[in-house]
Amino acid sequence: MPDLTAGEWRHVQRALRAVQGSACPGGEHPGPFHRGLARIGRMVPGMRTWRAHDVAPELEPLRDFLCESARHGPAVDELAHRLEGQGFSPAQIAALILIAG
């Protein structure tokens, strides 16, 4: 578990709330739970599926990082550097990786 101060955890929490409900590039929602739910929604006739919303351009690196982390994609390191440029510490980025699953 990353060692973060209460303020650093609040920053992570606010960032996650800001991108909550946004779709990954390609239409996937970040996280295994929502991917599974979307898969079930496609299989059950008449079931309403989750609808994504866009994020502000300044939040795209965070959204993309969470999506790549959940997929264990190759661009995670590059996106982590972009998050550092936006003020995230390495410990906060490690926390985001754990949360993204």
Protein backbone atom coordinates (compact mmCIF):
# COMPACT_ATOMS: atom_id res chain seq x y z
CA MET A 1 0.00 0.00 0.00
CA PRO A 2 1.47 3.39 -0.97
CA ASP A 3 2.37 5.68 1.94
CA LEU A 4 0.34 8.85 1.32
CA THR A 5 -0.65 11.74 3.54
CA ALA A 6 -4.33 12.50 4.06
CA GLY A 7 -4.02 15.38 1.59
CA GLU A 8 -2.45 13.15 -1.06
CA TRP A 9 -5.27 10.60 -0.64
CA ARG A 10 -7.84 13.41 -1.02
CA HIS A 11 -6.12 14.47 -4.26
CA VAL A 12 -6.34 10.90 -5.57
CA GLN A 13 -9.99 10.68 -4.49
CA ARG A 14 -10.91 13.97 -6.20
CA ALA A 15 -9.13 12.89 -9.37
CA LEU A 16 -10.99 9.58 -9.45
CA ARG A 17 -14.32 11.31 -8.93
CA ALA A 18 -13.55 13.68 -11.80
CA VAL A 19 -13.15 10.82 -14.29
CA GLN A 20 -15.81 8.52 -12.80
CA GLY A 21 -18.16 7.35 -15.53
CA SER A 22 -15.87 8.27 -18.40
CA ALA A 23 -15.24 5.73 -21.12
CA CYS A 24 -11.83 4.46 -22.07
CA PRO A 25 -10.68 5.03 -25.64
CA GLY A 26 -12.43 2.31 -27.57
CA GLY A 27 -15.56 2.62 -25.41
CA GLU A 28 -14.49 0.56 -22.40
CA HIS A 29 -15.07 1.76 -18.85
CA PRO A 30 -11.99 1.52 -16.61
CA GLY A 31 -12.01 -1.34 -14.15
CA PRO A 32 -12.92 -5.02 -14.30
CA PHE A 33 -16.29 -4.61 -12.54
CA HIS A 34 -17.65 -2.18 -15.13
CA ARG A 35 -16.24 -4.19 -18.04
CA GLY A 36 -18.02 -7.27 -16.69
CA LEU A 37 -21.24 -5.33 -16.22
CA ALA A 38 -21.05 -3.98 -19.76
CA ARG A 39 -20.43 -7.50 -21.08
CA ILE A 40 -23.52 -8.80 -19.26
CA GLY A 41 -25.53 -5.83 -20.56
CA ARG A 42 -24.66 -6.75 -24.14
CA MET A 43 -25.78 -10.37 -23.61
CA VAL A 44 -29.15 -9.70 -21.96
CA PRO A 45 -31.80 -8.47 -24.41
CA GLY A 46 -33.48 -5.27 -23.28
CA MET A 47 -31.01 -4.51 -20.48
CA ARG A 48 -29.98 -0.87 -20.30
CA THR A 49 -26.26 -0.52 -20.56
CA TRP A 50 -24.03 2.01 -18.88
CA ARG A 51 -23.49 5.21 -20.85
CA ALA A 52 -20.18 6.97 -20.88
CA HIS A 53 -19.46 10.67 -20.80
CA ASP A 54 -16.47 12.59 -22.07
CA VAL A 55 -13.90 14.13 -19.76
CA ALA A 56 -12.26 17.54 -19.93
CA PRO A 57 -9.03 17.57 -21.96
CA GLU A 58 -6.91 18.11 -18.84
CA LEU A 59 -8.33 14.87 -17.36
CA GLU A 60 -7.64 12.72 -20.42
CA PRO A 61 -4.15 11.63 -19.21
CA LEU A 62 -5.67 10.41 -15.93
CA ARG A 63 -8.51 8.58 -17.68
CA ASP A 64 -6.10 7.02 -20.18
CA PHE A 65 -3.73 6.00 -17.37
CA LEU A 66 -6.54 4.26 -15.46
CA CYS A 67 -7.68 2.48 -18.63
CA GLU A 68 -4.16 1.33 -19.53
CA SER A 69 -3.49 0.22 -15.93
CA ALA A 70 -6.69 -1.85 -15.86
CA ARG A 71 -5.70 -3.48 -19.17
CA HIS A 72 -2.02 -3.79 -18.16
CA GLY A 73 -1.30 -1.90 -21.37
CA PRO A 74 2.13 -0.93 -22.66
CA ALA A 75 1.59 2.85 -22.39
CA VAL A 76 1.32 2.90 -18.56
CA ASP A 77 4.86 4.23 -18.03
CA GLU A 78 4.46 7.04 -20.55
CA LEU A 79 1.11 8.04 -19.06
CA ALA A 80 2.58 7.92 -15.54
CA HIS A 81 5.15 10.52 -16.64
CA ARG A 82 2.32 12.71 -17.94
CA LEU A 83 0.58 12.43 -14.55
CA GLU A 84 3.80 13.42 -12.78
CA GLY A 85 3.82 16.49 -15.01
CA GLN A 86 0.32 17.28 -13.73
CA GLY A 87 1.47 17.14 -10.11
CA PHE A 88 0.87 13.51 -9.10
CA SER A 89 3.58 11.99 -6.92
CA PRO A 90 4.98 8.50 -7.62
CA ALA A 91 3.14 7.26 -4.50
CA GLN A 92 -0.16 8.68 -5.78
CA ILE A 93 0.42 7.02 -9.14
CA ALA A 94 1.09 3.71 -7.36
CA ALA A 95 -2.22 4.15 -5.51
CA LEU A 96 -4.02 4.77 -8.81
CA ILE A 97 -2.52 1.56 -10.24
CA LEU A 98 -3.81 -0.41 -7.25
CA ILE A 99 -7.26 1.12 -7.56
CA ALA A 100 -7.43 0.56 -11.33
CA GLY A 101 -6.87 -3.14 -10.71
